[in-house]
């Protein structure tokens, strides 16, 4: 009886641990938006696209639009391990022509990028 109970408890712990690791390892991207003066930009509209064509045509967004918080940040979760094109707009300021493409995201990590708008 004690052996069966021990095996049951160990099995439960193994399953619970493996499920929590899977949840933590989602590939995500945090964008921090800065002004040309280096100040954090709150409430900037951020949209993520899979390729340059969709970015230029502003269609088929992969994520967003979402808006930056008081720290100028927005996070997108459950993304693929690839490069993305990011559009940022705040009033009459944007990132067109600069910092549009991210590097390739690293699987299972929080990938961080700063984007300056002018």
PDB file of N, CA and C in Angstrom:
ATOM      1  N   UNK A   1       0.822  -1.198   0.000  1.00  0.00           N
ATOM      2  CA  UNK A   1       0.000   0.000   0.000  1.00  0.00           C
ATOM      3  C   UNK A   1       0.864   1.259   0.000  1.00  0.00           C
ATOM      4  N   UNK A   2       1.918   1.263   0.844  1.00  0.00           N
ATOM      5  CA  UNK A   2       2.797   2.425   0.908  1.00  0.00           C
ATOM      6  C   UNK A   2       3.542   2.615  -0.410  1.00  0.00           C
ATOM      7  N   UNK A   3       3.945   1.482  -1.050  1.00  0.00           N
ATOM      8  CA  UNK A   3       4.632   1.576  -2.338  1.00  0.00           C
ATOM      9  C   UNK A   3       3.721   2.199  -3.389  1.00  0.00           C
ATOM     10  N   UNK A   4       2.493   1.768  -3.435  1.00  0.00           N
ATOM     11  CA  UNK A   4       1.538   2.294  -4.414  1.00  0.00           C
ATOM     12  C   UNK A   4       1.298   3.781  -4.189  1.00  0.00           C
ATOM     13  N   UNK A   5       1.174   4.181  -2.939  1.00  0.00           N
ATOM     14  CA  UNK A   5       0.965   5.593  -2.617  1.00  0.00           C
ATOM     15  C   UNK A   5       2.190   6.417  -2.996  1.00  0.00           C
ATOM     16  N   UNK A   6       3.378   5.904  -2.729  1.00  0.00           N
ATOM     17  CA  UNK A   6       4.617   6.601  -3.086  1.00  0.00           C
ATOM     18  C   UNK A   6       4.725   6.773  -4.599  1.00  0.00           C
ATOM     19  N   UNK A   7       4.435   5.723  -5.335  1.00  0.00           N
ATOM     20  CA  UNK A   7       4.487   5.791  -6.801  1.00  0.00           C
ATOM     21  C   UNK A   7       3.474   6.799  -7.322  1.00  0.00           C
ATOM     22  N   UNK A   8       2.300   6.811  -6.756  1.00  0.00           N
ATOM     23  CA  UNK A   8       1.264   7.752  -7.167  1.00  0.00           C
ATOM     24  C   UNK A   8       1.697   9.192  -6.913  1.00  0.00           C
ATOM     25  N   UNK A   9       2.274   9.469  -5.765  1.00  0.00           N
ATOM     26  CA  UNK A   9       2.729  10.826  -5.429  1.00  0.00           C
ATOM     27  C   UNK A   9       3.861  11.252  -6.352  1.00  0.00           C
ATOM     28  N   UNK A  10       4.825  10.380  -6.585  1.00  0.00           N
ATOM     29  CA  UNK A  10       5.941  10.702  -7.481  1.00  0.00           C
ATOM     30  C   UNK A  10       5.434  10.953  -8.895  1.00  0.00           C
ATOM     31  N   UNK A  11       4.524  10.138  -9.372  1.00  0.00           N
ATOM     32  CA  UNK A  11       3.949  10.332 -10.714  1.00  0.00           C
ATOM     33  C   UNK A  11       3.261  11.683 -10.815  1.00  0.00           C
ATOM     34  N   UNK A  12       2.503  12.040  -9.810  1.00  0.00           N
ATOM     35  CA  UNK A  12       1.804  13.325  -9.799  1.00  0.00           C
ATOM     36  C   UNK A  12       2.796  14.480  -9.850  1.00  0.00           C
ATOM     37  N   UNK A  13       3.872  14.407  -9.062  1.00  0.00           N
ATOM     38  CA  UNK A  13       4.876  15.473  -9.050  1.00  0.00           C
ATOM     39  C   UNK A  13       5.575  15.607 -10.398  1.00  0.00           C
ATOM     40  N   UNK A  14       5.895  14.496 -11.036  1.00  0.00           N
ATOM     41  CA  UNK A  14       6.543  14.530 -12.349  1.00  0.00           C
ATOM     42  C   UNK A  14       5.630  15.185 -13.376  1.00  0.00           C
ATOM     43  N   UNK A  15       4.374  14.822 -13.388  1.00  0.00           N
ATOM     44  CA  UNK A  15       3.414  15.403 -14.336  1.00  0.00           C
ATOM     45  C   UNK A  15       3.227  16.888 -14.066  1.00  0.00           C
ATOM     46  N   UNK A  16       3.066  17.274 -12.823  1.00  0.00           N
ATOM     47  CA  UNK A  16       2.860  18.685 -12.473  1.00  0.00           C
ATOM     48  C   UNK A  16       4.067  19.525 -12.852  1.00  0.00           C
ATOM     49  N   UNK A  17       5.273  19.020 -12.628  1.00  0.00           N
ATOM     50  CA  UNK A  17       6.491  19.748 -12.960  1.00  0.00           C
ATOM     51  C   UNK A  17       6.636  19.910 -14.465  1.00  0.00           C
ATOM     52  N   UNK A  18       6.370  18.868 -15.238  1.00  0.00           N
ATOM     53  CA  UNK A  18       6.521  18.958 -16.688  1.00  0.00           C
ATOM     54  C   UNK A  18       5.506  19.919 -17.291  1.00  0.00           C
ATOM     55  N   UNK A  19       4.306  19.990 -16.759  1.00  0.00           N
ATOM     56  CA  UNK A  19       3.306  20.915 -17.282  1.00  0.00           C
ATOM     57  C   UNK A  19       3.671  22.354 -16.971  1.00  0.00           C
ATOM     58  N   UNK A  20       4.205  22.638 -15.803  1.00  0.00           N
ATOM     59  CA  UNK A  20       4.560  24.012 -15.467  1.00  0.00           C
ATOM     60  C   UNK A  20       5.739  24.486 -16.301  1.00  0.00           C
ATOM     61  N   UNK A  21       6.688  23.617 -16.637  1.00  0.00           N
ATOM     62  CA  UNK A  21       7.802  23.993 -17.495  1.00  0.00           C
ATOM     63  C   UNK A  21       7.302  24.354 -18.888  1.00  0.00           C
ATOM     64  N   UNK A  22       6.345  23.623 -19.410  1.00  0.00           N
ATOM     65  CA  UNK A  22       5.808  23.907 -20.742  1.00  0.00           C
ATOM     66  C   UNK A  22       5.163  25.284 -20.781  1.00  0.00           C
ATOM     67  N   UNK A  23       4.511  25.675 -19.720  1.00  0.00           N
ATOM     68  CA  UNK A  23       3.864  26.982 -19.686  1.00  0.00           C
ATOM     69  C   UNK A  23       4.896  28.102 -19.631  1.00  0.00           C
ATOM     70  N   UNK A  24       5.985  27.924 -18.931  1.00  0.00           N
ATOM     71  CA  UNK A  24       7.007  28.945 -18.767  1.00  0.00           C
ATOM     72  C   UNK A  24       7.797  29.142 -20.057  1.00  0.00           C
ATOM     73  N   UNK A  25       7.912  28.120 -20.884  1.00  0.00           N
ATOM     74  CA  UNK A  25       8.781  28.164 -22.043  1.00  0.00           C
ATOM     75  C   UNK A  25       8.128  28.708 -23.312  1.00  0.00           C
ATOM     76  N   UNK A  26       7.056  29.470 -23.192  1.00  0.00           N
ATOM     77  CA  UNK A  26       6.429  30.067 -24.373  1.00  0.00           C
ATOM     78  C   UNK A  26       7.353  31.141 -24.944  1.00  0.00           C
ATOM     79  N   UNK A  27       7.458  31.195 -26.262  1.00  0.00           N
ATOM     80  CA  UNK A  27       8.270  32.217 -26.916  1.00  0.00           C
ATOM     81  C   UNK A  27       7.478  33.511 -26.947  1.00  0.00           C
ATOM     82  N   UNK A  28       8.061  34.573 -26.406  1.00  0.00           N
ATOM     83  CA  UNK A  28       7.364  35.854 -26.357  1.00  0.00           C
ATOM     84  C   UNK A  28       8.319  36.988 -26.701  1.00  0.00           C
ATOM     85  N   UNK A  29       7.740  38.161 -26.932  1.00  0.00           N
ATOM     86  CA  UNK A  29       8.510  39.330 -27.339  1.00  0.00           C
ATOM     87  C   UNK A  29       8.019  40.545 -26.560  1.00  0.00           C
ATOM     88  N   UNK A  30       8.958  41.264 -25.941  1.00  0.00           N
ATOM     89  CA  UNK A  30       8.618  42.507 -25.260  1.00  0.00           C
ATOM     90  C   UNK A  30       9.214  43.666 -26.054  1.00  0.00           C
ATOM     91  N   UNK A  31       8.351  44.584 -26.443  1.00  0.00           N
ATOM     92  CA  UNK A  31       8.763  45.793 -27.148  1.00  0.00           C
ATOM     93  C   UNK A  31       8.725  46.943 -26.153  1.00  0.00           C
ATOM     94  N   UNK A  32       9.813  47.700 -26.067  1.00  0.00           N
ATOM     95  CA  UNK A  32       9.840  48.932 -25.289  1.00  0.00           C
ATOM     96  C   UNK A  32       9.948  50.075 -26.284  1.00  0.00           C
ATOM     97  N   UNK A  33       9.008  51.020 -26.205  1.00  0.00           N
ATOM     98  CA  UNK A  33       8.963  52.142 -27.147  1.00  0.00           C
ATOM     99  C   UNK A  33       9.550  53.377 -26.474  1.00  0.00           C
ATOM    100  N   UNK A  34      10.492  54.009 -27.186  1.00  0.00           N
ATOM    101  CA  UNK A  34      11.176  55.202 -26.692  1.00  0.00           C
ATOM    102  C   UNK A  34      11.012  56.343 -27.679  1.00  0.00           C
ATOM    103  N   UNK A  35      10.985  57.562 -27.168  1.00  0.00           N
ATOM    104  CA  UNK A  35      10.982  58.745 -28.035  1.00  0.00           C
ATOM    105  C   UNK A  35      12.411  58.987 -28.516  1.00  0.00           C
ATOM    106  N   UNK A  36      12.583  59.897 -29.467  1.00  0.00           N
ATOM    107  CA  UNK A  36      13.923  60.217 -29.962  1.00  0.00           C
ATOM    108  C   UNK A  36      14.800  60.819 -28.864  1.00  0.00           C
ATOM    109  N   UNK A  37      14.188  61.305 -27.784  1.00  0.00           N
ATOM    110  CA  UNK A  37      14.918  61.850 -26.637  1.00  0.00           C
ATOM    111  C   UNK A  37      15.232  60.765 -25.598  1.00  0.00           C
ATOM    112  N   UNK A  38      14.785  59.532 -25.851  1.00  0.00           N
ATOM    113  CA  UNK A  38      15.053  58.433 -24.939  1.00  0.00           C
ATOM    114  C   UNK A  38      14.024  58.246 -23.843  1.00  0.00           C
ATOM    115  N   UNK A  39      12.909  58.975 -23.924  1.00  0.00           N
ATOM    116  CA  UNK A  39      11.843  58.847 -22.926  1.00  0.00           C
ATOM    117  C   UNK A  39      10.924  57.680 -23.275  1.00  0.00           C
ATOM    118  N   UNK A  40      10.391  57.024 -22.253  1.00  0.00           N
ATOM    119  CA  UNK A  40       9.427  55.947 -22.460  1.00  0.00           C
ATOM    120  C   UNK A  40       8.134  56.519 -23.019  1.00  0.00           C
ATOM    121  N   UNK A  41       7.518  55.806 -23.957  1.00  0.00           N
ATOM    122  CA  UNK A  41       6.289  56.282 -24.591  1.00  0.00           C
ATOM    123  C   UNK A  41       5.129  55.393 -24.154  1.00  0.00           C
ATOM    124  N   UNK A  42       4.219  55.992 -23.404  1.00  0.00           N
ATOM    125  CA  UNK A  42       3.028  55.286 -22.936  1.00  0.00           C
ATOM    126  C   UNK A  42       1.928  55.373 -23.985  1.00  0.00           C
ATOM    127  N   UNK A  43       1.127  54.327 -24.091  1.00  0.00           N
ATOM    128  CA  UNK A  43      -0.053  54.279 -24.955  1.00  0.00           C
ATOM    129  C   UNK A  43       0.274  54.332 -26.453  1.00  0.00           C
ATOM    130  N   UNK A  44       1.458  53.859 -26.830  1.00  0.00           N
ATOM    131  CA  UNK A  44       1.799  53.744 -28.249  1.00  0.00           C
ATOM    132  C   UNK A  44       1.146  52.474 -28.791  1.00  0.00           C
ATOM    133  N   UNK A  45       0.653  52.542 -30.009  1.00  0.00           N
ATOM    134  CA  UNK A  45      -0.004  51.400 -30.650  1.00  0.00           C
ATOM    135  C   UNK A  45       1.057  50.543 -31.342  1.00  0.00           C
ATOM    136  N   UNK A  46       1.121  49.263 -30.973  1.00  0.00           N
ATOM    137  CA  UNK A  46       2.140  48.352 -31.497  1.00  0.00           C
ATOM    138  C   UNK A  46       1.451  47.169 -32.180  1.00  0.00           C
ATOM    139  N   UNK A  47       1.855  46.914 -33.439  1.00  0.00           N
ATOM    140  CA  UNK A  47       1.293  45.813 -34.214  1.00  0.00           C
ATOM    141  C   UNK A  47       2.441  44.983 -34.782  1.00  0.00           C
ATOM    142  N   UNK A  48       2.288  43.667 -34.772  1.00  0.00           N
ATOM    143  CA  UNK A  48       3.336  42.749 -35.217  1.00  0.00           C
ATOM    144  C   UNK A  48       2.879  42.024 -36.483  1.00  0.00           C
ATOM    145  N   UNK A  49       3.772  41.985 -37.481  1.00  0.00           N
ATOM    146  CA  UNK A  49       3.491  41.329 -38.757  1.00  0.00           C
ATOM    147  C   UNK A  49       4.537  40.252 -39.030  1.00  0.00           C
ATOM    148  N   UNK A  50       4.149  39.230 -39.783  1.00  0.00           N
ATOM    149  CA  UNK A  50       5.035  38.103 -40.078  1.00  0.00           C
ATOM    150  C   UNK A  50       6.054  38.411 -41.167  1.00  0.00           C
ATOM    151  N   UNK A  51       5.734  39.345 -42.061  1.00  0.00           N
ATOM    152  CA  UNK A  51       6.644  39.630 -43.169  1.00  0.00           C
ATOM    153  C   UNK A  51       6.533  41.091 -43.599  1.00  0.00           C
ATOM    154  N   UNK A  52       7.476  41.503 -44.441  1.00  0.00           N
ATOM    155  CA  UNK A  52       7.553  42.900 -44.858  1.00  0.00           C
ATOM    156  C   UNK A  52       6.336  43.330 -45.677  1.00  0.00           C
ATOM    157  N   UNK A  53       5.848  42.458 -46.533  1.00  0.00           N
ATOM    158  CA  UNK A  53       4.689  42.803 -47.364  1.00  0.00           C
ATOM    159  C   UNK A  53       3.461  43.110 -46.500  1.00  0.00           C
ATOM    160  N   UNK A  54       3.183  42.258 -45.537  1.00  0.00           N
ATOM    161  CA  UNK A  54       2.047  42.505 -44.640  1.00  0.00           C
ATOM    162  C   UNK A  54       2.262  43.780 -43.833  1.00  0.00           C
ATOM    163  N   UNK A  55       3.492  44.010 -43.407  1.00  0.00           N
ATOM    164  CA  UNK A  55       3.828  45.233 -42.667  1.00  0.00           C
ATOM    165  C   UNK A  55       3.536  46.473 -43.517  1.00  0.00           C
ATOM    166  N   UNK A  56       4.029  46.469 -44.753  1.00  0.00           N
ATOM    167  CA  UNK A  56       3.847  47.630 -45.633  1.00  0.00           C
ATOM    168  C   UNK A  56       2.383  47.857 -45.983  1.00  0.00           C
ATOM    169  N   UNK A  57       1.602  46.777 -46.124  1.00  0.00           N
ATOM    170  CA  UNK A  57       0.179  46.892 -46.459  1.00  0.00           C
ATOM    171  C   UNK A  57      -0.719  46.990 -45.223  1.00  0.00           C
ATOM    172  N   UNK A  58      -0.106  46.856 -44.040  1.00  0.00           N
ATOM    173  CA  UNK A  58      -0.841  46.898 -42.771  1.00  0.00           C
ATOM    174  C   UNK A  58      -2.012  45.916 -42.762  1.00  0.00           C
ATOM    175  N   UNK A  59      -1.693  44.648 -43.109  1.00  0.00           N
ATOM    176  CA  UNK A  59      -2.716  43.606 -43.124  1.00  0.00           C
ATOM    177  C   UNK A  59      -2.153  42.308 -42.549  1.00  0.00           C
ATOM    178  N   UNK A  60      -3.042  41.427 -42.127  1.00  0.00           N
ATOM    179  CA  UNK A  60      -2.670  40.110 -41.598  1.00  0.00           C
ATOM    180  C   UNK A  60      -1.743  40.188 -40.386  1.00  0.00           C
ATOM    181  N   UNK A  61      -2.074  41.027 -39.437  1.00  0.00           N
ATOM    182  CA  UNK A  61      -1.252  41.153 -38.232  1.00  0.00           C
ATOM    183  C   UNK A  61      -1.190  39.817 -37.495  1.00  0.00           C
ATOM    184  N   UNK A  62      -0.018  39.464 -37.023  1.00  0.00           N
ATOM    185  CA  UNK A  62       0.184  38.254 -36.233  1.00  0.00           C
ATOM    186  C   UNK A  62      -0.243  38.507 -34.788  1.00  0.00           C
ATOM    187  N   UNK A  63       0.002  39.725 -34.309  1.00  0.00           N
ATOM    188  CA  UNK A  63      -0.346  40.090 -32.932  1.00  0.00           C
ATOM    189  C   UNK A  63      -0.637  41.585 -32.866  1.00  0.00           C
ATOM    190  N   UNK A  64      -1.550  41.939 -31.973  1.00  0.00           N
ATOM    191  CA  UNK A  64      -1.901  43.350 -31.804  1.00  0.00           C
ATOM    192  C   UNK A  64      -3.008  43.749 -32.751  1.00  0.00           C
ATOM    193  N   UNK A  65      -3.336  45.023 -32.750  1.00  0.00           N
ATOM    194  CA  UNK A  65      -2.596  46.053 -32.029  1.00  0.00           C
ATOM    195  C   UNK A  65      -2.795  45.955 -30.524  1.00  0.00           C
ATOM    196  N   UNK A  66      -1.731  46.346 -29.823  1.00  0.00           N
ATOM    197  CA  UNK A  66      -1.752  46.447 -28.366  1.00  0.00           C
ATOM    198  C   UNK A  66      -1.094  47.775 -28.014  1.00  0.00           C
ATOM    199  N   UNK A  67      -1.329  48.246 -26.812  1.00  0.00           N
ATOM    200  CA  UNK A  67      -0.834  49.564 -26.416  1.00  0.00           C
ATOM    201  C   UNK A  67       0.163  49.450 -25.272  1.00  0.00           C
ATOM    202  N   UNK A  68       1.216  50.266 -25.339  1.00  0.00           N
ATOM    203  CA  UNK A  68       2.259  50.223 -24.321  1.00  0.00           C
ATOM    204  C   UNK A  68       1.737  50.706 -22.976  1.00  0.00           C
ATOM    205  N   UNK A  69       2.341  50.173 -21.920  1.00  0.00           N
ATOM    206  CA  UNK A  69       1.968  50.556 -20.558  1.00  0.00           C
ATOM    207  C   UNK A  69       2.743  51.810 -20.129  1.00  0.00           C
ATOM    208  N   UNK A  70       2.669  52.163 -18.860  1.00  0.00           N
ATOM    209  CA  UNK A  70       3.339  53.361 -18.338  1.00  0.00           C
ATOM    210  C   UNK A  70       4.858  53.279 -18.470  1.00  0.00           C
ATOM    211  N   UNK A  71       5.390  52.067 -18.601  1.00  0.00           N
ATOM    212  CA  UNK A  71       6.832  51.882 -18.770  1.00  0.00           C
ATOM    213  C   UNK A  71       7.215  51.770 -20.241  1.00  0.00           C
ATOM    214  N   UNK A  72       6.272  52.071 -21.140  1.00  0.00           N
ATOM    215  CA  UNK A  72       6.540  52.024 -22.570  1.00  0.00           C
ATOM    216  C   UNK A  72       6.643  50.622 -23.130  1.00  0.00           C
ATOM    217  N   UNK A  73       6.125  49.634 -22.411  1.00  0.00           N
ATOM    218  CA  UNK A  73       6.299  48.238 -22.814  1.00  0.00           C
ATOM    219  C   UNK A  73       4.988  47.569 -23.196  1.00  0.00           C
ATOM    220  N   UNK A  74       5.111  46.633 -24.113  1.00  0.00           N
ATOM    221  CA  UNK A  74       4.008  45.746 -24.472  1.00  0.00           C
ATOM    222  C   UNK A  74       4.624  44.376 -24.756  1.00  0.00           C
ATOM    223  N   UNK A  75       3.927  43.322 -24.345  1.00  0.00           N
ATOM    224  CA  UNK A  75       4.447  41.966 -24.518  1.00  0.00           C
ATOM    225  C   UNK A  75       3.475  41.142 -25.353  1.00  0.00           C
ATOM    226  N   UNK A  76       4.033  40.408 -26.310  1.00  0.00           N
ATOM    227  CA  UNK A  76       3.262  39.492 -27.146  1.00  0.00           C
ATOM    228  C   UNK A  76       3.746  38.080 -26.842  1.00  0.00           C
ATOM    229  N   UNK A  77       2.803  37.156 -26.627  1.00  0.00           N
ATOM    230  CA  UNK A  77       3.149  35.794 -26.216  1.00  0.00           C
ATOM    231  C   UNK A  77       2.802  34.775 -27.295  1.00  0.00           C
ATOM    232  N   UNK A  78       3.360  33.592 -27.134  1.00  0.00           N
ATOM    233  CA  UNK A  78       3.098  32.443 -28.014  1.00  0.00           C
ATOM    234  C   UNK A  78       3.435  32.736 -29.473  1.00  0.00           C
ATOM    235  N   UNK A  79       4.619  33.274 -29.704  1.00  0.00           N
ATOM    236  CA  UNK A  79       5.076  33.578 -31.056  1.00  0.00           C
ATOM    237  C   UNK A  79       5.992  32.470 -31.564  1.00  0.00           C
ATOM    238  N   UNK A  80       6.182  32.450 -32.882  1.00  0.00           N
ATOM    239  CA  UNK A  80       7.080  31.477 -33.493  1.00  0.00           C
ATOM    240  C   UNK A  80       8.518  31.977 -33.425  1.00  0.00           C
ATOM    241  N   UNK A  81       9.434  31.060 -33.601  1.00  0.00           N
ATOM    242  CA  UNK A  81      10.864  31.356 -33.578  1.00  0.00           C
ATOM    243  C   UNK A  81      11.272  31.883 -34.964  1.00  0.00           C
ATOM    244  N   UNK A  82      11.123  33.202 -35.173  1.00  0.00           N
ATOM    245  CA  UNK A  82      11.418  33.822 -36.469  1.00  0.00           C
ATOM    246  C   UNK A  82      11.553  35.326 -36.292  1.00  0.00           C
ATOM    247  N   UNK A  83      11.844  36.030 -37.366  1.00  0.00           N
ATOM    248  CA  UNK A  83      11.869  37.495 -37.353  1.00  0.00           C
ATOM    249  C   UNK A  83      10.457  38.023 -37.568  1.00  0.00           C
ATOM    250  N   UNK A  84      10.201  39.201 -37.041  1.00  0.00           N
ATOM    251  CA  UNK A  84       8.911  39.861 -37.225  1.00  0.00           C
ATOM    252  C   UNK A  84       9.131  41.310 -37.634  1.00  0.00           C
ATOM    253  N   UNK A  85       8.094  41.895 -38.210  1.00  0.00           N
ATOM    254  CA  UNK A  85       8.077  43.319 -38.527  1.00  0.00           C
ATOM    255  C   UNK A  85       7.119  43.990 -37.560  1.00  0.00           C
ATOM    256  N   UNK A  86       7.578  45.076 -36.944  1.00  0.00           N
ATOM    257  CA  UNK A  86       6.806  45.735 -35.895  1.00  0.00           C
ATOM    258  C   UNK A  86       6.505  47.167 -36.307  1.00  0.00           C
ATOM    259  N   UNK A  87       5.231  47.533 -36.198  1.00  0.00           N
ATOM    260  CA  UNK A  87       4.786  48.901 -36.486  1.00  0.00           C
ATOM    261  C   UNK A  87       4.422  49.564 -35.160  1.00  0.00           C
ATOM    262  N   UNK A  88       4.970  50.770 -34.936  1.00  0.00           N
ATOM    263  CA  UNK A  88       4.663  51.524 -33.726  1.00  0.00           C
ATOM    264  C   UNK A  88       4.187  52.911 -34.132  1.00  0.00           C
ATOM    265  N   UNK A  89       3.046  53.323 -33.578  1.00  0.00           N
ATOM    266  CA  UNK A  89       2.480  54.647 -33.859  1.00  0.00           C
ATOM    267  C   UNK A  89       2.053  55.278 -32.541  1.00  0.00           C
ATOM    268  N   UNK A  90       2.419  56.548 -32.373  1.00  0.00           N
ATOM    269  CA  UNK A  90       1.975  57.325 -31.215  1.00  0.00           C
ATOM    270  C   UNK A  90       1.789  58.763 -31.679  1.00  0.00           C
ATOM    271  N   UNK A  91       0.525  59.165 -31.841  1.00  0.00           N
ATOM    272  CA  UNK A  91       0.250  60.506 -32.374  1.00  0.00           C
ATOM    273  C   UNK A  91       0.813  60.624 -33.772  1.00  0.00           C
ATOM    274  N   UNK A  92       1.658  61.644 -34.006  1.00  0.00           N
ATOM    275  CA  UNK A  92       2.273  61.829 -35.326  1.00  0.00           C
ATOM    276  C   UNK A  92       3.657  61.189 -35.409  1.00  0.00           C
ATOM    277  N   UNK A  93       4.031  60.415 -34.426  1.00  0.00           N
ATOM    278  CA  UNK A  93       5.346  59.759 -34.391  1.00  0.00           C
ATOM    279  C   UNK A  93       5.194  58.270 -34.727  1.00  0.00           C
ATOM    280  N   UNK A  94       6.241  57.712 -35.375  1.00  0.00           N
ATOM    281  CA  UNK A  94       6.225  56.289 -35.728  1.00  0.00           C
ATOM    282  C   UNK A  94       7.649  55.784 -35.937  1.00  0.00           C
ATOM    283  N   UNK A  95       7.783  54.529 -36.266  1.00  0.00           N
ATOM    284  CA  UNK A  95       9.099  53.926 -36.507  1.00  0.00           C
ATOM    285  C   UNK A  95       9.328  53.598 -37.983  1.00  0.00           C
ATOM    286  N   UNK A  96       8.596  54.215 -38.879  1.00  0.00           N
ATOM    287  CA  UNK A  96       8.749  53.925 -40.306  1.00  0.00           C
ATOM    288  C   UNK A  96      10.171  54.228 -40.755  1.00  0.00           C
ATOM    289  N   UNK A  97      10.765  53.278 -41.455  1.00  0.00           N
ATOM    290  CA  UNK A  97      12.104  53.460 -41.985  1.00  0.00           C
ATOM    291  C   UNK A  97      13.206  53.135 -40.994  1.00  0.00           C
ATOM    292  N   UNK A  98      12.857  52.774 -39.764  1.00  0.00           N
ATOM    293  CA  UNK A  98      13.883  52.493 -38.763  1.00  0.00           C
ATOM    294  C   UNK A  98      13.345  51.502 -37.731  1.00  0.00           C
ATOM    295  N   UNK A  99      14.121  50.509 -37.398  1.00  0.00           N
ATOM    296  CA  UNK A  99      13.766  49.523 -36.357  1.00  0.00           C
ATOM    297  C   UNK A  99      12.423  48.863 -36.627  1.00  0.00           C
ATOM    298  N   UNK A 100      12.205  48.480 -37.864  1.00  0.00           N
ATOM    299  CA  UNK A 100      10.945  47.826 -38.223  1.00  0.00           C
ATOM    300  C   UNK A 100      11.020  46.319 -38.021  1.00  0.00           C
ATOM    301  N   UNK A 101      12.196  45.743 -38.222  1.00  0.00           N
ATOM    302  CA  UNK A 101      12.346  44.288 -38.183  1.00  0.00           C
ATOM    303  C   UNK A 101      13.086  43.860 -36.914  1.00  0.00           C
ATOM    304  N   UNK A 102      12.555  42.833 -36.273  1.00  0.00           N
ATOM    305  CA  UNK A 102      13.227  42.280 -35.099  1.00  0.00           C
ATOM    306  C   UNK A 102      14.286  41.292 -35.557  1.00  0.00           C
ATOM    307  N   UNK A 103      15.114  40.884 -34.663  1.00  0.00           N
ATOM    308  CA  UNK A 103      15.974  39.740 -34.926  1.00  0.00           C
ATOM    309  C   UNK A 103      15.142  38.478 -34.771  1.00  0.00           C
ATOM    310  N   UNK A 104      15.738  37.352 -35.087  1.00  0.00           N
ATOM    311  CA  UNK A 104      15.035  36.076 -34.927  1.00  0.00           C
ATOM    312  C   UNK A 104      14.802  35.819 -33.440  1.00  0.00           C
ATOM    313  N   UNK A 105      13.562  35.513 -33.089  1.00  0.00           N
ATOM    314  CA  UNK A 105      13.238  35.229 -31.696  1.00  0.00           C
ATOM    315  C   UNK A 105      13.858  33.906 -31.271  1.00  0.00           C
ATOM    316  N   UNK A 106      14.263  33.849 -30.019  1.00  0.00           N
ATOM    317  CA  UNK A 106      14.813  32.625 -29.452  1.00  0.00           C
ATOM    318  C   UNK A 106      13.677  31.860 -28.788  1.00  0.00           C
ATOM    319  N   UNK A 107      13.524  30.628 -29.176  1.00  0.00           N
ATOM    320  CA  UNK A 107      12.433  29.787 -28.680  1.00  0.00           C
ATOM    321  C   UNK A 107      12.497  29.649 -27.156  1.00  0.00           C
ATOM    322  N   UNK A 108      11.334  29.783 -26.521  1.00  0.00           N
ATOM    323  CA  UNK A 108      11.234  29.590 -25.083  1.00  0.00           C
ATOM    324  C   UNK A 108      11.763  30.734 -24.246  1.00  0.00           C
ATOM    325  N   UNK A 109      12.010  31.888 -24.850  1.00  0.00           N
ATOM    326  CA  UNK A 109      12.570  33.038 -24.135  1.00  0.00           C
ATOM    327  C   UNK A 109      11.655  34.249 -24.266  1.00  0.00           C
ATOM    328  N   UNK A 110      11.849  35.209 -23.355  1.00  0.00           N
ATOM    329  CA  UNK A 110      11.254  36.531 -23.496  1.00  0.00           C
ATOM    330  C   UNK A 110      12.272  37.358 -24.264  1.00  0.00           C
ATOM    331  N   UNK A 111      12.009  37.614 -25.538  1.00  0.00           N
ATOM    332  CA  UNK A 111      12.899  38.363 -26.416  1.00  0.00           C
ATOM    333  C   UNK A 111      12.560  39.840 -26.292  1.00  0.00           C
ATOM    334  N   UNK A 112      13.580  40.688 -26.029  1.00  0.00           N
ATOM    335  CA  UNK A 112      13.340  42.105 -25.753  1.00  0.00           C
ATOM    336  C   UNK A 112      13.935  42.977 -26.853  1.00  0.00           C
ATOM    337  N   UNK A 113      13.133  43.964 -27.295  1.00  0.00           N
ATOM    338  CA  UNK A 113      13.569  44.901 -28.324  1.00  0.00           C
ATOM    339  C   UNK A 113      13.153  46.311 -27.933  1.00  0.00           C
ATOM    340  N   UNK A 114      14.025  47.282 -28.206  1.00  0.00           N
ATOM    341  CA  UNK A 114      13.693  48.694 -28.032  1.00  0.00           C
ATOM    342  C   UNK A 114      13.427  49.284 -29.400  1.00  0.00           C
ATOM    343  N   UNK A 115      12.368  50.073 -29.513  1.00  0.00           N
ATOM    344  CA  UNK A 115      12.048  50.745 -30.771  1.00  0.00           C
ATOM    345  C   UNK A 115      11.897  52.229 -30.490  1.00  0.00           C
ATOM    346  N   UNK A 116      12.624  53.032 -31.269  1.00  0.00           N
ATOM    347  CA  UNK A 116      12.573  54.487 -31.137  1.00  0.00           C
ATOM    348  C   UNK A 116      11.630  55.032 -32.192  1.00  0.00           C
ATOM    349  N   UNK A 117      10.732  55.921 -31.775  1.00  0.00           N
ATOM    350  CA  UNK A 117       9.819  56.560 -32.727  1.00  0.00           C
ATOM    351  C   UNK A 117      10.196  58.026 -32.867  1.00  0.00           C
ATOM    352  N   UNK A 118       9.978  58.549 -34.088  1.00  0.00           N
ATOM    353  CA  UNK A 118      10.307  59.949 -34.381  1.00  0.00           C
ATOM    354  C   UNK A 118       9.184  60.590 -35.155  1.00  0.00           C
TER     355      UNK A 118
END
